[in-house]
């Protein structure tokens, strides 16, 4: 049977399997059929999935003719969980081709793709936690098929932009183009300050921000008067400008030594760098009630909802319960694909 004849396409036998090299062109074809308002290049797909340092977490449904008609996929990230290192995955780009949504009558094409993914990746060895920022419809499906649990609606701390140079207390601000040994040293020093967080070493940061095609980030580093590195910020200008109808600079990463006496200077730097871009404000997302959030509140900064529902599913409810994620995950915008 030809895929172009008048036969019902849902009568075809769909092979649901893990990604194989060469699938990406067909994945992009169905992605553009489903997400008609967006565009993704092959370079962007390769960066986000094929070149992810933690591996490829993708399951697809494929017709006998090689056409991809469903997908369930995650972006794996290495996580610090207490004294352990685990792998979590952000679930993104879940879809099924509209022409095939009546297929696999007993269960449904999309549901079957999800189940195959979970059978393989839903365990402590592969993905201790799957998480994301789904739409309402995706959340409803995720509750049913994956056991998603709502954790929070994210809010951003809003800092008004400033045209005044920040007081660096005798220290200095550096502009970086990549991350190296000094970033690793800072991460190793501050990691014990966090219970649950993405491992923000140079390997991850270079993949996430330096290697990404099509998006430019500003990377700034702060040193104290003795030359000690105590903060790294990764900024994206004009973040969600069309959606929010305002010019704002967002912090994708806020890697700060909370114990350093100059830690509060980081807020002044965000204000100044937002002003440098001509933005109305700077925004940074923290988990509510963590140390960074409290420091921002002490400075009198307000918050603003960013319309993202944060959800998760744990596959280790004893060691990594949802309550631990809700209370202990020091997240950043860069932990998600929205920035």
C-alpha atoms as a PDB file:
ATOM      1  CA  UNK A   1       0.000   0.000   0.000  1.00  0.00           C
ATOM      2  CA  UNK A   2       1.298   3.434  -0.897  1.00  0.00           C
ATOM      3  CA  UNK A   3       1.132   6.237   1.652  1.00  0.00           C
ATOM      4  CA  UNK A   4      -0.252   8.451  -1.090  1.00  0.00           C
ATOM      5  CA  UNK A   5      -3.189   6.266  -2.122  1.00  0.00           C
ATOM      6  CA  UNK A   6      -6.735   6.493  -0.764  1.00  0.00           C
ATOM      7  CA  UNK A   7      -6.304   3.672   1.756  1.00  0.00           C
ATOM      8  CA  UNK A   8      -6.646   4.423   5.437  1.00  0.00           C
ATOM      9  CA  UNK A   9      -3.102   5.250   6.670  1.00  0.00           C
ATOM     10  CA  UNK A  10      -3.990   4.013  10.150  1.00  0.00           C
ATOM     11  CA  UNK A  11      -4.201   0.449   8.818  1.00  0.00           C
ATOM     12  CA  UNK A  12      -0.418   0.400   8.487  1.00  0.00           C
ATOM     13  CA  UNK A  13       1.687  -1.438  11.025  1.00  0.00           C
ATOM     14  CA  UNK A  14       3.691   1.154  12.956  1.00  0.00           C
ATOM     15  CA  UNK A  15       7.102   0.201  14.336  1.00  0.00           C
ATOM     16  CA  UNK A  16       7.596   1.971  17.668  1.00  0.00           C
ATOM     17  CA  UNK A  17      11.265   2.032  18.530  1.00  0.00           C
ATOM     18  CA  UNK A  18      14.160   4.105  19.788  1.00  0.00           C
ATOM     19  CA  UNK A  19      15.802   6.717  17.584  1.00  0.00           C
ATOM     20  CA  UNK A  20      18.187   5.590  14.865  1.00  0.00           C
ATOM     21  CA  UNK A  21      20.664   7.845  13.049  1.00  0.00           C
ATOM     22  CA  UNK A  22      18.922   9.241   9.989  1.00  0.00           C
ATOM     23  CA  UNK A  23      15.497   9.560  11.654  1.00  0.00           C
ATOM     24  CA  UNK A  24      15.979  13.263  12.265  1.00  0.00           C
ATOM     25  CA  UNK A  25      14.804  14.475   8.837  1.00  0.00           C
ATOM     26  CA  UNK A  26      11.527  12.566   9.197  1.00  0.00           C
ATOM     27  CA  UNK A  27      11.206  13.721  12.820  1.00  0.00           C
ATOM     28  CA  UNK A  28      11.515  17.325  11.685  1.00  0.00           C
ATOM     29  CA  UNK A  29       8.981  16.758   8.923  1.00  0.00           C
ATOM     30  CA  UNK A  30       6.274  15.575  11.345  1.00  0.00           C
ATOM     31  CA  UNK A  31       7.348  18.185  13.911  1.00  0.00           C
ATOM     32  CA  UNK A  32       6.639  20.935  11.373  1.00  0.00           C
ATOM     33  CA  UNK A  33       3.304  19.341  10.436  1.00  0.00           C
ATOM     34  CA  UNK A  34       2.217  19.418  14.089  1.00  0.00           C
ATOM     35  CA  UNK A  35       3.853  22.649  15.288  1.00  0.00           C
ATOM     36  CA  UNK A  36       2.952  24.708  12.251  1.00  0.00           C
ATOM     37  CA  UNK A  37       3.745  28.032  13.931  1.00  0.00           C
ATOM     38  CA  UNK A  38       7.370  27.153  14.719  1.00  0.00           C
ATOM     39  CA  UNK A  39      10.571  26.311  12.867  1.00  0.00           C
ATOM     40  CA  UNK A  40      13.510  24.100  13.782  1.00  0.00           C
ATOM     41  CA  UNK A  41      16.576  23.466  11.660  1.00  0.00           C
ATOM     42  CA  UNK A  42      18.478  20.212  11.407  1.00  0.00           C
ATOM     43  CA  UNK A  43      21.389  21.893  13.200  1.00  0.00           C
ATOM     44  CA  UNK A  44      19.115  22.767  16.104  1.00  0.00           C
ATOM     45  CA  UNK A  45      17.757  19.229  16.292  1.00  0.00           C
ATOM     46  CA  UNK A  46      21.243  17.725  16.204  1.00  0.00           C
ATOM     47  CA  UNK A  47      22.419  20.032  18.965  1.00  0.00           C
ATOM     48  CA  UNK A  48      19.474  19.408  21.285  1.00  0.00           C
ATOM     49  CA  UNK A  49      19.234  15.638  20.854  1.00  0.00           C
ATOM     50  CA  UNK A  50      22.017  13.929  18.915  1.00  0.00           C
ATOM     51  CA  UNK A  51      24.803  15.984  20.514  1.00  0.00           C
ATOM     52  CA  UNK A  52      23.415  16.041  24.059  1.00  0.00           C
ATOM     53  CA  UNK A  53      26.307  14.887  26.283  1.00  0.00           C
ATOM     54  CA  UNK A  54      23.920  12.642  28.241  1.00  0.00           C
ATOM     55  CA  UNK A  55      22.706  10.736  25.194  1.00  0.00           C
ATOM     56  CA  UNK A  56      19.619  10.520  22.963  1.00  0.00           C
ATOM     57  CA  UNK A  57      16.285   9.837  24.687  1.00  0.00           C
ATOM     58  CA  UNK A  58      13.881   9.569  21.756  1.00  0.00           C
ATOM     59  CA  UNK A  59      11.224   7.015  20.794  1.00  0.00           C
ATOM     60  CA  UNK A  60       9.393   7.249  17.484  1.00  0.00           C
ATOM     61  CA  UNK A  61       6.635   5.498  15.585  1.00  0.00           C
ATOM     62  CA  UNK A  62       7.670   4.703  12.014  1.00  0.00           C
ATOM     63  CA  UNK A  63       5.629   3.412   9.067  1.00  0.00           C
ATOM     64  CA  UNK A  64       6.913   0.630   6.798  1.00  0.00           C
ATOM     65  CA  UNK A  65       7.899   3.408   4.381  1.00  0.00           C
ATOM     66  CA  UNK A  66      10.118   5.166   6.960  1.00  0.00           C
ATOM     67  CA  UNK A  67       7.750   8.012   7.763  1.00  0.00           C
ATOM     68  CA  UNK A  68       7.876   9.123  11.402  1.00  0.00           C
ATOM     69  CA  UNK A  69       4.322   9.552  12.693  1.00  0.00           C
ATOM     70  CA  UNK A  70       4.775   9.809  16.476  1.00  0.00           C
ATOM     71  CA  UNK A  71       7.414  10.850  18.957  1.00  0.00           C
ATOM     72  CA  UNK A  72       8.024  10.964  22.692  1.00  0.00           C
ATOM     73  CA  UNK A  73      11.335  12.410  23.729  1.00  0.00           C
ATOM     74  CA  UNK A  74      13.341  13.824  26.593  1.00  0.00           C
ATOM     75  CA  UNK A  75      16.338  16.083  27.042  1.00  0.00           C
ATOM     76  CA  UNK A  76      18.476  14.264  29.618  1.00  0.00           C
ATOM     77  CA  UNK A  77      20.401  16.262  32.184  1.00  0.00           C
ATOM     78  CA  UNK A  78      22.872  15.127  34.823  1.00  0.00           C
ATOM     79  CA  UNK A  79      21.592  16.053  38.275  1.00  0.00           C
ATOM     80  CA  UNK A  80      23.060  16.429  41.739  1.00  0.00           C
ATOM     81  CA  UNK A  81      20.667  14.800  44.216  1.00  0.00           C
ATOM     82  CA  UNK A  82      22.133  15.111  47.681  1.00  0.00           C
ATOM     83  CA  UNK A  83      25.484  13.325  47.549  1.00  0.00           C
ATOM     84  CA  UNK A  84      24.495  11.305  44.470  1.00  0.00           C
ATOM     85  CA  UNK A  85      24.508  11.965  40.748  1.00  0.00           C
ATOM     86  CA  UNK A  86      21.354  10.984  38.873  1.00  0.00           C
ATOM     87  CA  UNK A  87      19.905  11.600  35.435  1.00  0.00           C
ATOM     88  CA  UNK A  88      16.631  13.461  34.918  1.00  0.00           C
ATOM     89  CA  UNK A  89      14.990  14.235  31.572  1.00  0.00           C
ATOM     90  CA  UNK A  90      12.887  17.173  30.458  1.00  0.00           C
ATOM     91  CA  UNK A  91      10.035  15.866  28.295  1.00  0.00           C
ATOM     92  CA  UNK A  92       9.602  17.910  25.112  1.00  0.00           C
ATOM     93  CA  UNK A  93       8.207  17.698  21.580  1.00  0.00           C
ATOM     94  CA  UNK A  94       5.671  14.926  22.260  1.00  0.00           C
ATOM     95  CA  UNK A  95       3.501  14.470  19.178  1.00  0.00           C
ATOM     96  CA  UNK A  96       1.590  12.261  16.793  1.00  0.00           C
ATOM     97  CA  UNK A  97       0.833  12.906  13.139  1.00  0.00           C
ATOM     98  CA  UNK A  98      -2.824  13.999  12.741  1.00  0.00           C
ATOM     99  CA  UNK A  99      -3.238  11.540   9.867  1.00  0.00           C
ATOM    100  CA  UNK A 100      -2.410   8.611  12.152  1.00  0.00           C
ATOM    101  CA  UNK A 101      -4.137   9.455  15.410  1.00  0.00           C
ATOM    102  CA  UNK A 102      -6.805   6.792  14.928  1.00  0.00           C
ATOM    103  CA  UNK A 103      -4.186   4.085  14.542  1.00  0.00           C
ATOM    104  CA  UNK A 104      -3.343   1.261  16.948  1.00  0.00           C
ATOM    105  CA  UNK A 105      -7.006   1.101  17.880  1.00  0.00           C
ATOM    106  CA  UNK A 106      -6.612  -0.655  21.219  1.00  0.00           C
ATOM    107  CA  UNK A 107      -4.389   1.915  22.852  1.00  0.00           C
ATOM    108  CA  UNK A 108      -3.628   4.763  20.482  1.00  0.00           C
ATOM    109  CA  UNK A 109      -0.462   5.611  18.605  1.00  0.00           C
ATOM    110  CA  UNK A 110       0.684   8.348  20.944  1.00  0.00           C
ATOM    111  CA  UNK A 111      -0.078   6.381  24.120  1.00  0.00           C
ATOM    112  CA  UNK A 112       1.782   3.357  22.799  1.00  0.00           C
ATOM    113  CA  UNK A 113       4.805   5.512  21.954  1.00  0.00           C
ATOM    114  CA  UNK A 114       4.762   6.965  25.475  1.00  0.00           C
ATOM    115  CA  UNK A 115       4.544   3.512  27.051  1.00  0.00           C
ATOM    116  CA  UNK A 116       7.468   2.192  25.032  1.00  0.00           C
ATOM    117  CA  UNK A 117       9.558   5.193  26.042  1.00  0.00           C
ATOM    118  CA  UNK A 118       8.663   4.760  29.701  1.00  0.00           C
ATOM    119  CA  UNK A 119       9.338   1.018  29.586  1.00  0.00           C
ATOM    120  CA  UNK A 120      12.876   1.782  28.459  1.00  0.00           C
ATOM    121  CA  UNK A 121      13.785   5.060  30.173  1.00  0.00           C
ATOM    122  CA  UNK A 122      11.468   5.143  33.186  1.00  0.00           C
ATOM    123  CA  UNK A 123      13.896   3.792  35.788  1.00  0.00           C
ATOM    124  CA  UNK A 124      16.666   4.916  38.094  1.00  0.00           C
ATOM    125  CA  UNK A 125      19.396   3.909  35.622  1.00  0.00           C
ATOM    126  CA  UNK A 126      18.062   6.128  32.828  1.00  0.00           C
ATOM    127  CA  UNK A 127      15.674   8.780  34.185  1.00  0.00           C
ATOM    128  CA  UNK A 128      15.108   9.010  37.903  1.00  0.00           C
ATOM    129  CA  UNK A 129      12.709  11.869  37.150  1.00  0.00           C
ATOM    130  CA  UNK A 130      10.946  13.076  34.025  1.00  0.00           C
ATOM    131  CA  UNK A 131       9.812  16.686  34.192  1.00  0.00           C
ATOM    132  CA  UNK A 132       8.649  19.574  32.076  1.00  0.00           C
ATOM    133  CA  UNK A 133       6.489  22.618  31.464  1.00  0.00           C
ATOM    134  CA  UNK A 134       3.521  21.180  29.559  1.00  0.00           C
ATOM    135  CA  UNK A 135       0.541  22.984  28.138  1.00  0.00           C
ATOM    136  CA  UNK A 136      -2.810  22.249  29.750  1.00  0.00           C
ATOM    137  CA  UNK A 137      -3.610  19.596  27.136  1.00  0.00           C
ATOM    138  CA  UNK A 138      -0.179  17.992  27.442  1.00  0.00           C
ATOM    139  CA  UNK A 139      -0.484  18.025  31.238  1.00  0.00           C
ATOM    140  CA  UNK A 140      -3.818  16.235  31.046  1.00  0.00           C
ATOM    141  CA  UNK A 141      -2.319  13.544  28.813  1.00  0.00           C
ATOM    142  CA  UNK A 142       0.795  13.402  30.966  1.00  0.00           C
ATOM    143  CA  UNK A 143      -1.260  12.795  34.100  1.00  0.00           C
ATOM    144  CA  UNK A 144      -3.042   9.922  32.381  1.00  0.00           C
ATOM    145  CA  UNK A 145      -0.115   8.317  30.574  1.00  0.00           C
ATOM    146  CA  UNK A 146       2.961   9.242  32.617  1.00  0.00           C
ATOM    147  CA  UNK A 147       1.745  10.024  36.113  1.00  0.00           C
ATOM    148  CA  UNK A 148       2.713  13.695  35.956  1.00  0.00           C
ATOM    149  CA  UNK A 149       2.265  15.552  39.238  1.00  0.00           C
ATOM    150  CA  UNK A 150       1.833  19.313  39.367  1.00  0.00           C
ATOM    151  CA  UNK A 151       4.585  20.904  41.452  1.00  0.00           C
ATOM    152  CA  UNK A 152       4.236  24.643  40.947  1.00  0.00           C
ATOM    153  CA  UNK A 153       3.491  27.502  38.600  1.00  0.00           C
ATOM    154  CA  UNK A 154       6.794  29.247  38.008  1.00  0.00           C
ATOM    155  CA  UNK A 155       7.229  32.901  38.882  1.00  0.00           C
ATOM    156  CA  UNK A 156      10.026  35.246  37.945  1.00  0.00           C
ATOM    157  CA  UNK A 157      11.733  37.719  40.238  1.00  0.00           C
ATOM    158  CA  UNK A 158      11.576  41.081  38.475  1.00  0.00           C
ATOM    159  CA  UNK A 159      14.448  43.533  38.792  1.00  0.00           C
ATOM    160  CA  UNK A 160      14.000  46.955  37.141  1.00  0.00           C
ATOM    161  CA  UNK A 161      16.726  47.760  34.651  1.00  0.00           C
ATOM    162  CA  UNK A 162      19.260  50.396  35.552  1.00  0.00           C
ATOM    163  CA  UNK A 163      21.512  52.753  33.639  1.00  0.00           C
ATOM    164  CA  UNK A 164      23.861  52.982  36.627  1.00  0.00           C
ATOM    165  CA  UNK A 165      27.064  50.962  36.733  1.00  0.00           C
ATOM    166  CA  UNK A 166      26.921  48.455  39.598  1.00  0.00           C
ATOM    167  CA  UNK A 167      29.184  48.800  42.619  1.00  0.00           C
ATOM    168  CA  UNK A 168      31.429  45.736  42.288  1.00  0.00           C
ATOM    169  CA  UNK A 169      33.061  46.395  45.694  1.00  0.00           C
ATOM    170  CA  UNK A 170      36.535  46.435  44.218  1.00  0.00           C
ATOM    171  CA  UNK A 171      35.923  43.369  42.091  1.00  0.00           C
ATOM    172  CA  UNK A 172      35.390  43.095  38.351  1.00  0.00           C
ATOM    173  CA  UNK A 173      32.997  41.847  35.704  1.00  0.00           C
ATOM    174  CA  UNK A 174      34.264  39.709  32.831  1.00  0.00           C
ATOM    175  CA  UNK A 175      32.613  38.793  29.522  1.00  0.00           C
ATOM    176  CA  UNK A 176      33.114  35.138  28.647  1.00  0.00           C
ATOM    177  CA  UNK A 177      32.562  33.261  25.391  1.00  0.00           C
ATOM    178  CA  UNK A 178      32.902  29.755  26.832  1.00  0.00           C
ATOM    179  CA  UNK A 179      33.321  27.845  30.081  1.00  0.00           C
ATOM    180  CA  UNK A 180      36.445  26.128  31.386  1.00  0.00           C
ATOM    181  CA  UNK A 181      38.318  25.088  34.495  1.00  0.00           C
ATOM    182  CA  UNK A 182      37.329  28.153  36.516  1.00  0.00           C
ATOM    183  CA  UNK A 183      33.639  27.434  35.935  1.00  0.00           C
ATOM    184  CA  UNK A 184      34.233  23.877  37.125  1.00  0.00           C
ATOM    185  CA  UNK A 185      36.002  25.167  40.225  1.00  0.00           C
ATOM    186  CA  UNK A 186      33.094  27.471  41.087  1.00  0.00           C
ATOM    187  CA  UNK A 187      30.562  24.681  40.520  1.00  0.00           C
ATOM    188  CA  UNK A 188      32.506  22.280  42.760  1.00  0.00           C
ATOM    189  CA  UNK A 189      32.651  24.924  45.487  1.00  0.00           C
ATOM    190  CA  UNK A 190      28.950  25.744  45.485  1.00  0.00           C
ATOM    191  CA  UNK A 191      27.460  22.317  44.719  1.00  0.00           C
ATOM    192  CA  UNK A 192      27.089  21.464  48.449  1.00  0.00           C
ATOM    193  CA  UNK A 193      24.785  24.514  48.813  1.00  0.00           C
ATOM    194  CA  UNK A 194      22.139  22.693  46.741  1.00  0.00           C
ATOM    195  CA  UNK A 195      20.162  19.527  47.388  1.00  0.00           C
ATOM    196  CA  UNK A 196      18.734  18.961  43.892  1.00  0.00           C
ATOM    197  CA  UNK A 197      20.091  20.827  40.887  1.00  0.00           C
ATOM    198  CA  UNK A 198      21.463  20.347  37.383  1.00  0.00           C
ATOM    199  CA  UNK A 199      25.200  19.625  37.401  1.00  0.00           C
ATOM    200  CA  UNK A 200      26.447  22.945  36.070  1.00  0.00           C
ATOM    201  CA  UNK A 201      29.977  22.091  35.064  1.00  0.00           C
ATOM    202  CA  UNK A 202      31.722  23.370  31.938  1.00  0.00           C
ATOM    203  CA  UNK A 203      30.777  20.249  29.970  1.00  0.00           C
ATOM    204  CA  UNK A 204      27.096  20.941  30.426  1.00  0.00           C
ATOM    205  CA  UNK A 205      27.291  24.735  30.161  1.00  0.00           C
ATOM    206  CA  UNK A 206      29.265  24.683  26.914  1.00  0.00           C
ATOM    207  CA  UNK A 207      26.756  22.311  25.342  1.00  0.00           C
ATOM    208  CA  UNK A 208      23.734  24.199  26.641  1.00  0.00           C
ATOM    209  CA  UNK A 209      24.785  27.773  25.796  1.00  0.00           C
ATOM    210  CA  UNK A 210      27.933  27.923  23.649  1.00  0.00           C
ATOM    211  CA  UNK A 211      27.165  25.168  21.153  1.00  0.00           C
ATOM    212  CA  UNK A 212      23.490  25.994  20.648  1.00  0.00           C
ATOM    213  CA  UNK A 213      22.839  27.224  17.087  1.00  0.00           C
ATOM    214  CA  UNK A 214      20.562  30.150  16.364  1.00  0.00           C
ATOM    215  CA  UNK A 215      20.527  31.685  19.852  1.00  0.00           C
ATOM    216  CA  UNK A 216      23.012  34.102  21.397  1.00  0.00           C
ATOM    217  CA  UNK A 217      23.550  34.329  25.155  1.00  0.00           C
ATOM    218  CA  UNK A 218      25.583  36.784  27.173  1.00  0.00           C
ATOM    219  CA  UNK A 219      27.933  35.142  29.657  1.00  0.00           C
ATOM    220  CA  UNK A 220      29.306  37.264  32.493  1.00  0.00           C
ATOM    221  CA  UNK A 221      31.520  36.313  35.407  1.00  0.00           C
ATOM    222  CA  UNK A 222      32.064  38.217  38.655  1.00  0.00           C
ATOM    223  CA  UNK A 223      35.245  38.292  40.709  1.00  0.00           C
ATOM    224  CA  UNK A 224      35.782  39.837  44.110  1.00  0.00           C
ATOM    225  CA  UNK A 225      38.569  42.250  45.038  1.00  0.00           C
ATOM    226  CA  UNK A 226      40.933  39.280  45.564  1.00  0.00           C
ATOM    227  CA  UNK A 227      40.246  37.872  42.115  1.00  0.00           C
ATOM    228  CA  UNK A 228      38.068  34.996  43.358  1.00  0.00           C
ATOM    229  CA  UNK A 229      35.288  33.968  40.980  1.00  0.00           C
ATOM    230  CA  UNK A 230      31.977  33.973  42.872  1.00  0.00           C
ATOM    231  CA  UNK A 231      29.251  34.215  40.217  1.00  0.00           C
ATOM    232  CA  UNK A 232      28.421  33.356  36.614  1.00  0.00           C
ATOM    233  CA  UNK A 233      25.319  34.638  34.847  1.00  0.00           C
ATOM    234  CA  UNK A 234      24.023  33.471  31.472  1.00  0.00           C
ATOM    235  CA  UNK A 235      21.570  35.973  29.983  1.00  0.00           C
ATOM    236  CA  UNK A 236      19.178  35.925  27.064  1.00  0.00           C
ATOM    237  CA  UNK A 237      18.005  39.285  25.828  1.00  0.00           C
ATOM    238  CA  UNK A 238      14.465  39.951  24.574  1.00  0.00           C
ATOM    239  CA  UNK A 239      13.201  36.720  26.134  1.00  0.00           C
ATOM    240  CA  UNK A 240       9.508  36.106  25.332  1.00  0.00           C
ATOM    241  CA  UNK A 241       9.281  39.653  24.040  1.00  0.00           C
ATOM    242  CA  UNK A 242       6.472  38.879  21.582  1.00  0.00           C
ATOM    243  CA  UNK A 243       4.466  36.853  24.097  1.00  0.00           C
ATOM    244  CA  UNK A 244       4.853  39.242  27.024  1.00  0.00           C
ATOM    245  CA  UNK A 245       4.898  42.392  24.856  1.00  0.00           C
ATOM    246  CA  UNK A 246       7.764  43.845  26.811  1.00  0.00           C
ATOM    247  CA  UNK A 247      11.525  44.057  26.414  1.00  0.00           C
ATOM    248  CA  UNK A 248      13.167  41.979  29.107  1.00  0.00           C
ATOM    249  CA  UNK A 249      16.501  40.305  29.764  1.00  0.00           C
ATOM    250  CA  UNK A 250      16.261  36.885  31.444  1.00  0.00           C
ATOM    251  CA  UNK A 251      18.836  34.965  33.428  1.00  0.00           C
ATOM    252  CA  UNK A 252      19.029  31.427  32.063  1.00  0.00           C
ATOM    253  CA  UNK A 253      21.645  30.577  34.709  1.00  0.00           C
ATOM    254  CA  UNK A 254      22.328  32.075  38.127  1.00  0.00           C
ATOM    255  CA  UNK A 255      25.441  30.284  39.365  1.00  0.00           C
ATOM    256  CA  UNK A 256      26.300  32.166  42.527  1.00  0.00           C
ATOM    257  CA  UNK A 257      28.236  31.354  45.686  1.00  0.00           C
ATOM    258  CA  UNK A 258      25.540  32.210  48.224  1.00  0.00           C
ATOM    259  CA  UNK A 259      28.092  32.235  51.039  1.00  0.00           C
ATOM    260  CA  UNK A 260      30.196  34.971  49.439  1.00  0.00           C
ATOM    261  CA  UNK A 261      29.771  38.435  50.995  1.00  0.00           C
ATOM    262  CA  UNK A 262      29.405  39.989  47.517  1.00  0.00           C
ATOM    263  CA  UNK A 263      26.657  37.603  46.363  1.00  0.00           C
ATOM    264  CA  UNK A 264      24.040  40.389  46.461  1.00  0.00           C
ATOM    265  CA  UNK A 265      26.010  42.349  43.855  1.00  0.00           C
ATOM    266  CA  UNK A 266      24.707  39.857  41.296  1.00  0.00           C
ATOM    267  CA  UNK A 267      21.260  41.477  41.391  1.00  0.00           C
ATOM    268  CA  UNK A 268      22.811  44.888  40.688  1.00  0.00           C
ATOM    269  CA  UNK A 269      24.689  43.388  37.761  1.00  0.00           C
ATOM    270  CA  UNK A 270      21.482  41.924  36.305  1.00  0.00           C
ATOM    271  CA  UNK A 271      19.828  45.330  36.560  1.00  0.00           C
ATOM    272  CA  UNK A 272      22.735  47.018  34.800  1.00  0.00           C
ATOM    273  CA  UNK A 273      23.025  44.394  32.059  1.00  0.00           C
ATOM    274  CA  UNK A 274      19.305  44.606  31.365  1.00  0.00           C
ATOM    275  CA  UNK A 275      19.723  48.370  31.054  1.00  0.00           C
ATOM    276  CA  UNK A 276      22.705  47.870  28.780  1.00  0.00           C
ATOM    277  CA  UNK A 277      20.440  46.022  26.329  1.00  0.00           C
ATOM    278  CA  UNK A 278      17.750  48.703  26.605  1.00  0.00           C
ATOM    279  CA  UNK A 279      15.420  46.301  28.401  1.00  0.00           C
ATOM    280  CA  UNK A 280      12.647  47.432  30.686  1.00  0.00           C
ATOM    281  CA  UNK A 281      13.564  44.832  33.286  1.00  0.00           C
ATOM    282  CA  UNK A 282      15.589  41.764  34.134  1.00  0.00           C
ATOM    283  CA  UNK A 283      13.955  38.524  35.266  1.00  0.00           C
ATOM    284  CA  UNK A 284      15.285  35.445  37.021  1.00  0.00           C
ATOM    285  CA  UNK A 285      13.413  32.342  38.138  1.00  0.00           C
ATOM    286  CA  UNK A 286      14.171  30.714  41.484  1.00  0.00           C
ATOM    287  CA  UNK A 287      12.373  28.029  43.397  1.00  0.00           C
ATOM    288  CA  UNK A 288      10.107  29.819  45.797  1.00  0.00           C
ATOM    289  CA  UNK A 289      11.492  30.152  49.319  1.00  0.00           C
ATOM    290  CA  UNK A 290      15.033  29.063  48.482  1.00  0.00           C
ATOM    291  CA  UNK A 291      17.984  31.211  49.575  1.00  0.00           C
ATOM    292  CA  UNK A 292      18.157  33.173  46.314  1.00  0.00           C
ATOM    293  CA  UNK A 293      14.407  33.845  46.391  1.00  0.00           C
ATOM    294  CA  UNK A 294      14.632  35.139  49.970  1.00  0.00           C
ATOM    295  CA  UNK A 295      17.599  37.347  49.063  1.00  0.00           C
ATOM    296  CA  UNK A 296      15.568  38.851  46.217  1.00  0.00           C
ATOM    297  CA  UNK A 297      12.581  39.435  48.492  1.00  0.00           C
ATOM    298  CA  UNK A 298      14.839  41.084  51.072  1.00  0.00           C
ATOM    299  CA  UNK A 299      15.875  43.512  48.338  1.00  0.00           C
ATOM    300  CA  UNK A 300      12.220  44.381  47.735  1.00  0.00           C
ATOM    301  CA  UNK A 301      11.952  42.873  44.256  1.00  0.00           C
ATOM    302  CA  UNK A 302       8.502  41.788  43.084  1.00  0.00           C
ATOM    303  CA  UNK A 303       7.471  38.617  41.260  1.00  0.00           C
ATOM    304  CA  UNK A 304       5.580  37.992  38.050  1.00  0.00           C
ATOM    305  CA  UNK A 305       4.011  34.730  36.809  1.00  0.00           C
ATOM    306  CA  UNK A 306       5.601  33.324  33.663  1.00  0.00           C
ATOM    307  CA  UNK A 307       2.668  31.031  32.826  1.00  0.00           C
ATOM    308  CA  UNK A 308       4.589  27.770  33.053  1.00  0.00           C
ATOM    309  CA  UNK A 309       3.219  24.767  34.909  1.00  0.00           C
ATOM    310  CA  UNK A 310       6.104  22.784  36.439  1.00  0.00           C
ATOM    311  CA  UNK A 311       5.367  19.040  36.618  1.00  0.00           C
ATOM    312  CA  UNK A 312       7.333  15.870  37.278  1.00  0.00           C
ATOM    313  CA  UNK A 313       7.159  12.091  37.615  1.00  0.00           C
ATOM    314  CA  UNK A 314       9.608  10.260  39.848  1.00  0.00           C
ATOM    315  CA  UNK A 315      10.758   6.676  39.377  1.00  0.00           C
ATOM    316  CA  UNK A 316      12.384   6.599  42.811  1.00  0.00           C
ATOM    317  CA  UNK A 317       9.651   7.717  45.170  1.00  0.00           C
ATOM    318  CA  UNK A 318      11.631   6.628  48.218  1.00  0.00           C
ATOM    319  CA  UNK A 319      14.847   8.600  47.645  1.00  0.00           C
ATOM    320  CA  UNK A 320      13.572  11.301  45.283  1.00  0.00           C
ATOM    321  CA  UNK A 321       9.911  11.895  46.177  1.00  0.00           C
ATOM    322  CA  UNK A 322       7.911  14.685  44.606  1.00  0.00           C
ATOM    323  CA  UNK A 323       8.050  16.530  47.926  1.00  0.00           C
ATOM    324  CA  UNK A 324      11.848  16.647  47.703  1.00  0.00           C
ATOM    325  CA  UNK A 325      11.664  18.086  44.197  1.00  0.00           C
ATOM    326  CA  UNK A 326       9.101  20.666  45.310  1.00  0.00           C
ATOM    327  CA  UNK A 327      11.176  21.813  48.277  1.00  0.00           C
ATOM    328  CA  UNK A 328      14.752  21.104  47.231  1.00  0.00           C
ATOM    329  CA  UNK A 329      15.184  21.634  43.484  1.00  0.00           C
ATOM    330  CA  UNK A 330      17.160  24.821  42.901  1.00  0.00           C
ATOM    331  CA  UNK A 331      16.030  25.227  39.319  1.00  0.00           C
ATOM    332  CA  UNK A 332      16.877  27.771  36.639  1.00  0.00           C
ATOM    333  CA  UNK A 333      15.203  28.736  33.381  1.00  0.00           C
ATOM    334  CA  UNK A 334      18.003  26.946  31.583  1.00  0.00           C
ATOM    335  CA  UNK A 335      16.795  23.637  33.050  1.00  0.00           C
ATOM    336  CA  UNK A 336      14.009  23.922  30.459  1.00  0.00           C
ATOM    337  CA  UNK A 337      13.910  24.433  26.697  1.00  0.00           C
ATOM    338  CA  UNK A 338      11.975  27.703  26.968  1.00  0.00           C
ATOM    339  CA  UNK A 339      15.051  29.927  26.906  1.00  0.00           C
END
